[in-house]
Amino acid sequence: MSADAATTLEPTRTLELELAGMTCAACVVRVDRALRSVPGVADASVNLVTQRATVRVTGERAGRTELAQAIERAGYS
């Protein structure tokens, strides 16, 4: 089995996060990029209007704490 095949077999879970401080499309891009940089994040979707992010993670490497820290490093809460 290839490494790619093993990755796709890992269980995934979806986390919903409330955000604060985003005011424009550039903010959305920064938060999205920050979330996707966290190891274990398979996908992220950030919504400016609802101030929420939906993040799909694989395995146990990325949890709420790691995601919140990435958001804070990007300058948001």
PDB file of N, CA and C in Angstrom:
ATOM      1  N   MET A   1       0.853  -1.170   0.000  1.00  0.00           N
ATOM      2  CA  MET A   1       0.000   0.000   0.000  1.00  0.00           C
ATOM      3  C   MET A   1       0.899   1.233   0.000  1.00  0.00           C
ATOM      4  N   SER A   2       0.584   2.181  -0.839  1.00  0.00           N
ATOM      5  CA  SER A   2       1.376   3.409  -0.929  1.00  0.00           C
ATOM      6  C   SER A   2       1.044   4.336   0.228  1.00  0.00           C
ATOM      7  N   ALA A   3       1.903   5.317   0.448  1.00  0.00           N
ATOM      8  CA  ALA A   3       1.673   6.300   1.516  1.00  0.00           C
ATOM      9  C   ALA A   3       0.397   7.085   1.247  1.00  0.00           C
ATOM     10  N   ASP A   4       0.122   7.394  -0.031  1.00  0.00           N
ATOM     11  CA  ASP A   4      -1.099   8.122  -0.366  1.00  0.00           C
ATOM     12  C   ASP A   4      -2.338   7.307  -0.014  1.00  0.00           C
ATOM     13  N   ALA A   5      -2.304   6.020  -0.283  1.00  0.00           N
ATOM     14  CA  ALA A   5      -3.446   5.159   0.024  1.00  0.00           C
ATOM     15  C   ALA A   5      -3.655   5.086   1.532  1.00  0.00           C
ATOM     16  N   ALA A   6      -2.569   5.002   2.303  1.00  0.00           N
ATOM     17  CA  ALA A   6      -2.687   4.951   3.755  1.00  0.00           C
ATOM     18  C   ALA A   6      -3.295   6.232   4.289  1.00  0.00           C
ATOM     19  N   THR A   7      -2.933   7.368   3.718  1.00  0.00           N
ATOM     20  CA  THR A   7      -3.457   8.654   4.160  1.00  0.00           C
ATOM     21  C   THR A   7      -4.957   8.729   3.941  1.00  0.00           C
ATOM     22  N   THR A   8      -5.430   8.243   2.812  1.00  0.00           N
ATOM     23  CA  THR A   8      -6.851   8.338   2.517  1.00  0.00           C
ATOM     24  C   THR A   8      -7.674   7.412   3.391  1.00  0.00           C
ATOM     25  N   LEU A   9      -7.059   6.411   4.023  1.00  0.00           N
ATOM     26  CA  LEU A   9      -7.783   5.487   4.878  1.00  0.00           C
ATOM     27  C   LEU A   9      -7.872   5.969   6.322  1.00  0.00           C
ATOM     28  N   GLU A  10      -7.138   7.015   6.673  1.00  0.00           N
ATOM     29  CA  GLU A  10      -7.204   7.536   8.027  1.00  0.00           C
ATOM     30  C   GLU A  10      -8.596   8.093   8.286  1.00  0.00           C
ATOM     31  N   PRO A  11      -9.115   7.866   9.493  1.00  0.00           N
ATOM     32  CA  PRO A  11     -10.432   8.434   9.810  1.00  0.00           C
ATOM     33  C   PRO A  11     -10.353   9.960   9.833  1.00  0.00           C
ATOM     34  N   THR A  12     -11.411  10.581   9.382  1.00  0.00           N
ATOM     35  CA  THR A  12     -11.466  12.042   9.399  1.00  0.00           C
ATOM     36  C   THR A  12     -12.587  12.490  10.315  1.00  0.00           C
ATOM     37  N   ARG A  13     -12.451  13.703  10.798  1.00  0.00           N
ATOM     38  CA  ARG A  13     -13.514  14.312  11.592  1.00  0.00           C
ATOM     39  C   ARG A  13     -13.598  15.770  11.195  1.00  0.00           C
ATOM     40  N   THR A  14     -14.743  16.358  11.385  1.00  0.00           N
ATOM     41  CA  THR A  14     -14.966  17.746  11.007  1.00  0.00           C
ATOM     42  C   THR A  14     -15.161  18.586  12.265  1.00  0.00           C
ATOM     43  N   LEU A  15     -14.440  19.685  12.325  1.00  0.00           N
ATOM     44  CA  LEU A  15     -14.538  20.609  13.452  1.00  0.00           C
ATOM     45  C   LEU A  15     -15.082  21.940  12.955  1.00  0.00           C
ATOM     46  N   GLU A  16     -15.971  22.532  13.728  1.00  0.00           N
ATOM     47  CA  GLU A  16     -16.509  23.858  13.438  1.00  0.00           C
ATOM     48  C   GLU A  16     -15.891  24.824  14.434  1.00  0.00           C
ATOM     49  N   LEU A  17     -15.332  25.919  13.943  1.00  0.00           N
ATOM     50  CA  LEU A  17     -14.688  26.905  14.806  1.00  0.00           C
ATOM     51  C   LEU A  17     -15.309  28.274  14.615  1.00  0.00           C
ATOM     52  N   GLU A  18     -15.553  28.973  15.720  1.00  0.00           N
ATOM     53  CA  GLU A  18     -16.009  30.357  15.646  1.00  0.00           C
ATOM     54  C   GLU A  18     -14.775  31.247  15.561  1.00  0.00           C
ATOM     55  N   LEU A  19     -14.853  32.264  14.717  1.00  0.00           N
ATOM     56  CA  LEU A  19     -13.728  33.177  14.498  1.00  0.00           C
ATOM     57  C   LEU A  19     -14.139  34.593  14.858  1.00  0.00           C
ATOM     58  N   ALA A  20     -13.136  35.431  15.084  1.00  0.00           N
ATOM     59  CA  ALA A  20     -13.390  36.850  15.330  1.00  0.00           C
ATOM     60  C   ALA A  20     -12.244  37.653  14.740  1.00  0.00           C
ATOM     61  N   GLY A  21     -12.580  38.836  14.248  1.00  0.00           N
ATOM     62  CA  GLY A  21     -11.554  39.747  13.771  1.00  0.00           C
ATOM     63  C   GLY A  21     -11.385  39.808  12.262  1.00  0.00           C
ATOM     64  N   MET A  22     -12.081  38.950  11.520  1.00  0.00           N
ATOM     65  CA  MET A  22     -11.960  39.000  10.060  1.00  0.00           C
ATOM     66  C   MET A  22     -12.852  40.107   9.516  1.00  0.00           C
ATOM     67  N   THR A  23     -12.289  40.917   8.615  1.00  0.00           N
ATOM     68  CA  THR A  23     -13.065  42.026   8.056  1.00  0.00           C
ATOM     69  C   THR A  23     -13.108  42.043   6.534  1.00  0.00           C
ATOM     70  N   CYS A  24     -12.312  41.187   5.876  1.00  0.00           N
ATOM     71  CA  CYS A  24     -12.258  41.233   4.413  1.00  0.00           C
ATOM     72  C   CYS A  24     -11.812  39.888   3.848  1.00  0.00           C
ATOM     73  N   ALA A  25     -11.803  39.813   2.533  1.00  0.00           N
ATOM     74  CA  ALA A  25     -11.415  38.573   1.856  1.00  0.00           C
ATOM     75  C   ALA A  25      -9.963  38.201   2.142  1.00  0.00           C
ATOM     76  N   ALA A  26      -9.101  39.182   2.309  1.00  0.00           N
ATOM     77  CA  ALA A  26      -7.693  38.892   2.624  1.00  0.00           C
ATOM     78  C   ALA A  26      -7.582  38.207   3.983  1.00  0.00           C
ATOM     79  N   CYS A  27      -8.441  38.589   4.924  1.00  0.00           N
ATOM     80  CA  CYS A  27      -8.456  37.933   6.235  1.00  0.00           C
ATOM     81  C   CYS A  27      -8.825  36.462   6.086  1.00  0.00           C
ATOM     82  N   VAL A  28      -9.815  36.197   5.256  1.00  0.00           N
ATOM     83  CA  VAL A  28     -10.248  34.815   5.012  1.00  0.00           C
ATOM     84  C   VAL A  28      -9.087  33.998   4.463  1.00  0.00           C
ATOM     85  N   VAL A  29      -8.349  34.557   3.525  1.00  0.00           N
ATOM     86  CA  VAL A  29      -7.213  33.860   2.935  1.00  0.00           C
ATOM     87  C   VAL A  29      -6.153  33.567   3.995  1.00  0.00           C
ATOM     88  N   ARG A  30      -5.874  34.539   4.854  1.00  0.00           N
ATOM     89  CA  ARG A  30      -4.860  34.343   5.905  1.00  0.00           C
ATOM     90  C   ARG A  30      -5.269  33.239   6.873  1.00  0.00           C
ATOM     91  N   VAL A  31      -6.524  33.246   7.309  1.00  0.00           N
ATOM     92  CA  VAL A  31      -7.004  32.227   8.246  1.00  0.00           C
ATOM     93  C   VAL A  31      -7.010  30.856   7.567  1.00  0.00           C
ATOM     94  N   ASP A  32      -7.480  30.803   6.339  1.00  0.00           N
ATOM     95  CA  ASP A  32      -7.503  29.546   5.595  1.00  0.00           C
ATOM     96  C   ASP A  32      -6.087  28.973   5.466  1.00  0.00           C
ATOM     97  N   ARG A  33      -5.149  29.821   5.099  1.00  0.00           N
ATOM     98  CA  ARG A  33      -3.753  29.389   4.954  1.00  0.00           C
ATOM     99  C   ARG A  33      -3.190  28.907   6.295  1.00  0.00           C
ATOM    100  N   ALA A  34      -3.510  29.612   7.374  1.00  0.00           N
ATOM    101  CA  ALA A  34      -3.027  29.228   8.706  1.00  0.00           C
ATOM    102  C   ALA A  34      -3.577  27.863   9.115  1.00  0.00           C
ATOM    103  N   LEU A  35      -4.859  27.650   8.869  1.00  0.00           N
ATOM    104  CA  LEU A  35      -5.469  26.368   9.227  1.00  0.00           C
ATOM    105  C   LEU A  35      -4.876  25.224   8.416  1.00  0.00           C
ATOM    106  N   ARG A  36      -4.707  25.437   7.124  1.00  0.00           N
ATOM    107  CA  ARG A  36      -4.168  24.381   6.258  1.00  0.00           C
ATOM    108  C   ARG A  36      -2.701  24.054   6.557  1.00  0.00           C
ATOM    109  N   SER A  37      -2.014  24.952   7.250  1.00  0.00           N
ATOM    110  CA  SER A  37      -0.606  24.706   7.589  1.00  0.00           C
ATOM    111  C   SER A  37      -0.458  23.766   8.788  1.00  0.00           C
ATOM    112  N   VAL A  38      -1.534  23.521   9.513  1.00  0.00           N
ATOM    113  CA  VAL A  38      -1.478  22.641  10.683  1.00  0.00           C
ATOM    114  C   VAL A  38      -1.408  21.190  10.208  1.00  0.00           C
ATOM    115  N   PRO A  39      -0.419  20.435  10.683  1.00  0.00           N
ATOM    116  CA  PRO A  39      -0.328  19.022  10.292  1.00  0.00           C
ATOM    117  C   PRO A  39      -1.605  18.274  10.660  1.00  0.00           C
ATOM    118  N   GLY A  40      -2.117  17.511   9.717  1.00  0.00           N
ATOM    119  CA  GLY A  40      -3.333  16.745   9.940  1.00  0.00           C
ATOM    120  C   GLY A  40      -4.579  17.384   9.358  1.00  0.00           C
ATOM    121  N   VAL A  41      -4.487  18.638   8.911  1.00  0.00           N
ATOM    122  CA  VAL A  41      -5.649  19.288   8.305  1.00  0.00           C
ATOM    123  C   VAL A  41      -5.759  18.841   6.854  1.00  0.00           C
ATOM    124  N   ALA A  42      -6.883  18.217   6.529  1.00  0.00           N
ATOM    125  CA  ALA A  42      -7.129  17.739   5.169  1.00  0.00           C
ATOM    126  C   ALA A  42      -7.810  18.803   4.319  1.00  0.00           C
ATOM    127  N   ASP A  43      -8.643  19.643   4.951  1.00  0.00           N
ATOM    128  CA  ASP A  43      -9.374  20.662   4.212  1.00  0.00           C
ATOM    129  C   ASP A  43      -9.863  21.717   5.195  1.00  0.00           C
ATOM    130  N   ALA A  44      -9.986  22.932   4.725  1.00  0.00           N
ATOM    131  CA  ALA A  44     -10.507  24.022   5.552  1.00  0.00           C
ATOM    132  C   ALA A  44     -11.361  24.932   4.687  1.00  0.00           C
ATOM    133  N   SER A  45     -12.438  25.428   5.272  1.00  0.00           N
ATOM    134  CA  SER A  45     -13.324  26.365   4.592  1.00  0.00           C
ATOM    135  C   SER A  45     -13.654  27.472   5.584  1.00  0.00           C
ATOM    136  N   VAL A  46     -13.337  28.710   5.209  1.00  0.00           N
ATOM    137  CA  VAL A  46     -13.530  29.852   6.098  1.00  0.00           C
ATOM    138  C   VAL A  46     -14.598  30.759   5.503  1.00  0.00           C
ATOM    139  N   ASN A  47     -15.561  31.175   6.332  1.00  0.00           N
ATOM    140  CA  ASN A  47     -16.662  32.004   5.865  1.00  0.00           C
ATOM    141  C   ASN A  47     -16.620  33.357   6.563  1.00  0.00           C
ATOM    142  N   LEU A  48     -16.452  34.413   5.790  1.00  0.00           N
ATOM    143  CA  LEU A  48     -16.361  35.768   6.332  1.00  0.00           C
ATOM    144  C   LEU A  48     -17.679  36.207   6.962  1.00  0.00           C
ATOM    145  N   VAL A  49     -18.787  35.922   6.306  1.00  0.00           N
ATOM    146  CA  VAL A  49     -20.092  36.401   6.769  1.00  0.00           C
ATOM    147  C   VAL A  49     -20.477  35.772   8.107  1.00  0.00           C
ATOM    148  N   THR A  50     -20.286  34.457   8.227  1.00  0.00           N
ATOM    149  CA  THR A  50     -20.684  33.781   9.466  1.00  0.00           C
ATOM    150  C   THR A  50     -19.579  33.786  10.516  1.00  0.00           C
ATOM    151  N   GLN A  51     -18.355  34.211  10.114  1.00  0.00           N
ATOM    152  CA  GLN A  51     -17.208  34.210  11.022  1.00  0.00           C
ATOM    153  C   GLN A  51     -16.971  32.812  11.598  1.00  0.00           C
ATOM    154  N   ARG A  52     -17.036  31.810  10.700  1.00  0.00           N
ATOM    155  CA  ARG A  52     -16.838  30.422  11.109  1.00  0.00           C
ATOM    156  C   ARG A  52     -15.896  29.728  10.131  1.00  0.00           C
ATOM    157  N   ALA A  53     -15.243  28.694  10.646  1.00  0.00           N
ATOM    158  CA  ALA A  53     -14.398  27.850   9.809  1.00  0.00           C
ATOM    159  C   ALA A  53     -14.838  26.405  10.015  1.00  0.00           C
ATOM    160  N   THR A  54     -14.885  25.669   8.927  1.00  0.00           N
ATOM    161  CA  THR A  54     -15.138  24.241   8.963  1.00  0.00           C
ATOM    162  C   THR A  54     -13.840  23.574   8.550  1.00  0.00           C
ATOM    163  N   VAL A  55     -13.323  22.723   9.416  1.00  0.00           N
ATOM    164  CA  VAL A  55     -12.015  22.122   9.181  1.00  0.00           C
ATOM    165  C   VAL A  55     -12.149  20.606   9.250  1.00  0.00           C
ATOM    166  N   ARG A  56     -11.663  19.928   8.207  1.00  0.00           N
ATOM    167  CA  ARG A  56     -11.653  18.463   8.190  1.00  0.00           C
ATOM    168  C   ARG A  56     -10.239  18.015   8.522  1.00  0.00           C
ATOM    169  N   VAL A  57     -10.110  17.219   9.576  1.00  0.00           N
ATOM    170  CA  VAL A  57      -8.798  16.758  10.009  1.00  0.00           C
ATOM    171  C   VAL A  57      -8.724  15.237   9.937  1.00  0.00           C
ATOM    172  N   THR A  58      -7.501  14.752   9.721  1.00  0.00           N
ATOM    173  CA  THR A  58      -7.273  13.311   9.694  1.00  0.00           C
ATOM    174  C   THR A  58      -6.466  12.921  10.920  1.00  0.00           C
ATOM    175  N   GLY A  59      -6.745  11.754  11.436  1.00  0.00           N
ATOM    176  CA  GLY A  59      -5.997  11.284  12.596  1.00  0.00           C
ATOM    177  C   GLY A  59      -6.226  12.166  13.807  1.00  0.00           C
ATOM    178  N   GLU A  60      -5.267  12.152  14.703  1.00  0.00           N
ATOM    179  CA  GLU A  60      -5.381  12.900  15.956  1.00  0.00           C
ATOM    180  C   GLU A  60      -4.379  14.047  16.052  1.00  0.00           C
ATOM    181  N   ARG A  61      -3.679  14.344  14.973  1.00  0.00           N
ATOM    182  CA  ARG A  61      -2.626  15.362  15.038  1.00  0.00           C
ATOM    183  C   ARG A  61      -3.163  16.771  15.189  1.00  0.00           C
ATOM    184  N   ALA A  62      -4.305  17.063  14.617  1.00  0.00           N
ATOM    185  CA  ALA A  62      -4.854  18.426  14.652  1.00  0.00           C
ATOM    186  C   ALA A  62      -6.130  18.437  15.487  1.00  0.00           C
ATOM    187  N   GLY A  63      -6.090  19.185  16.569  1.00  0.00           N
ATOM    188  CA  GLY A  63      -7.255  19.348  17.424  1.00  0.00           C
ATOM    189  C   GLY A  63      -7.604  20.818  17.541  1.00  0.00           C
ATOM    190  N   ARG A  64      -8.597  21.114  18.327  1.00  0.00           N
ATOM    191  CA  ARG A  64      -9.034  22.505  18.500  1.00  0.00           C
ATOM    192  C   ARG A  64      -7.909  23.400  19.003  1.00  0.00           C
ATOM    193  N   THR A  65      -7.089  22.887  19.911  1.00  0.00           N
ATOM    194  CA  THR A  65      -5.997  23.695  20.466  1.00  0.00           C
ATOM    195  C   THR A  65      -5.011  24.100  19.383  1.00  0.00           C
ATOM    196  N   GLU A  66      -4.581  23.142  18.567  1.00  0.00           N
ATOM    197  CA  GLU A  66      -3.615  23.424  17.500  1.00  0.00           C
ATOM    198  C   GLU A  66      -4.203  24.382  16.464  1.00  0.00           C
ATOM    199  N   LEU A  67      -5.474  24.207  16.154  1.00  0.00           N
ATOM    200  CA  LEU A  67      -6.124  25.079  15.178  1.00  0.00           C
ATOM    201  C   LEU A  67      -6.263  26.496  15.733  1.00  0.00           C
ATOM    202  N   ALA A  68      -6.662  26.612  17.000  1.00  0.00           N
ATOM    203  CA  ALA A  68      -6.797  27.930  17.622  1.00  0.00           C
ATOM    204  C   ALA A  68      -5.453  28.648  17.671  1.00  0.00           C
ATOM    205  N   GLN A  69      -4.393  27.919  17.969  1.00  0.00           N
ATOM    206  CA  GLN A  69      -3.064  28.529  18.006  1.00  0.00           C
ATOM    207  C   GLN A  69      -2.663  29.047  16.625  1.00  0.00           C
ATOM    208  N   ALA A  70      -2.973  28.296  15.580  1.00  0.00           N
ATOM    209  CA  ALA A  70      -2.648  28.731  14.218  1.00  0.00           C
ATOM    210  C   ALA A  70      -3.425  29.997  13.857  1.00  0.00           C
ATOM    211  N   ILE A  71      -4.690  30.058  14.257  1.00  0.00           N
ATOM    212  CA  ILE A  71      -5.518  31.237  13.994  1.00  0.00           C
ATOM    213  C   ILE A  71      -4.957  32.447  14.731  1.00  0.00           C
ATOM    214  N   GLU A  72      -4.571  32.251  15.974  1.00  0.00           N
ATOM    215  CA  GLU A  72      -4.011  33.352  16.765  1.00  0.00           C
ATOM    216  C   GLU A  72      -2.684  33.838  16.198  1.00  0.00           C
ATOM    217  N   ARG A  73      -1.840  32.906  15.720  1.00  0.00           N
ATOM    218  CA  ARG A  73      -0.579  33.310  15.105  1.00  0.00           C
ATOM    219  C   ARG A  73      -0.824  34.146  13.844  1.00  0.00           C
ATOM    220  N   ALA A  74      -1.948  33.904  13.182  1.00  0.00           N
ATOM    221  CA  ALA A  74      -2.289  34.671  11.984  1.00  0.00           C
ATOM    222  C   ALA A  74      -2.889  36.033  12.347  1.00  0.00           C
ATOM    223  N   GLY A  75      -3.163  36.263  13.630  1.00  0.00           N
ATOM    224  CA  GLY A  75      -3.647  37.557  14.071  1.00  0.00           C
ATOM    225  C   GLY A  75      -5.143  37.639  14.330  1.00  0.00           C
ATOM    226  N   TYR A  76      -5.796  36.509  14.465  1.00  0.00           N
ATOM    227  CA  TYR A  76      -7.251  36.483  14.664  1.00  0.00           C
ATOM    228  C   TYR A  76      -7.572  35.652  15.891  1.00  0.00           C
ATOM    229  N   SER A  77      -8.826  35.692  16.303  1.00  0.00           N
ATOM    230  CA  SER A  77      -9.228  34.892  17.472  1.00  0.00           C
ATOM    231  C   SER A  77     -10.456  34.076  17.151  1.00  0.00           C
TER     232      SER A  77
END
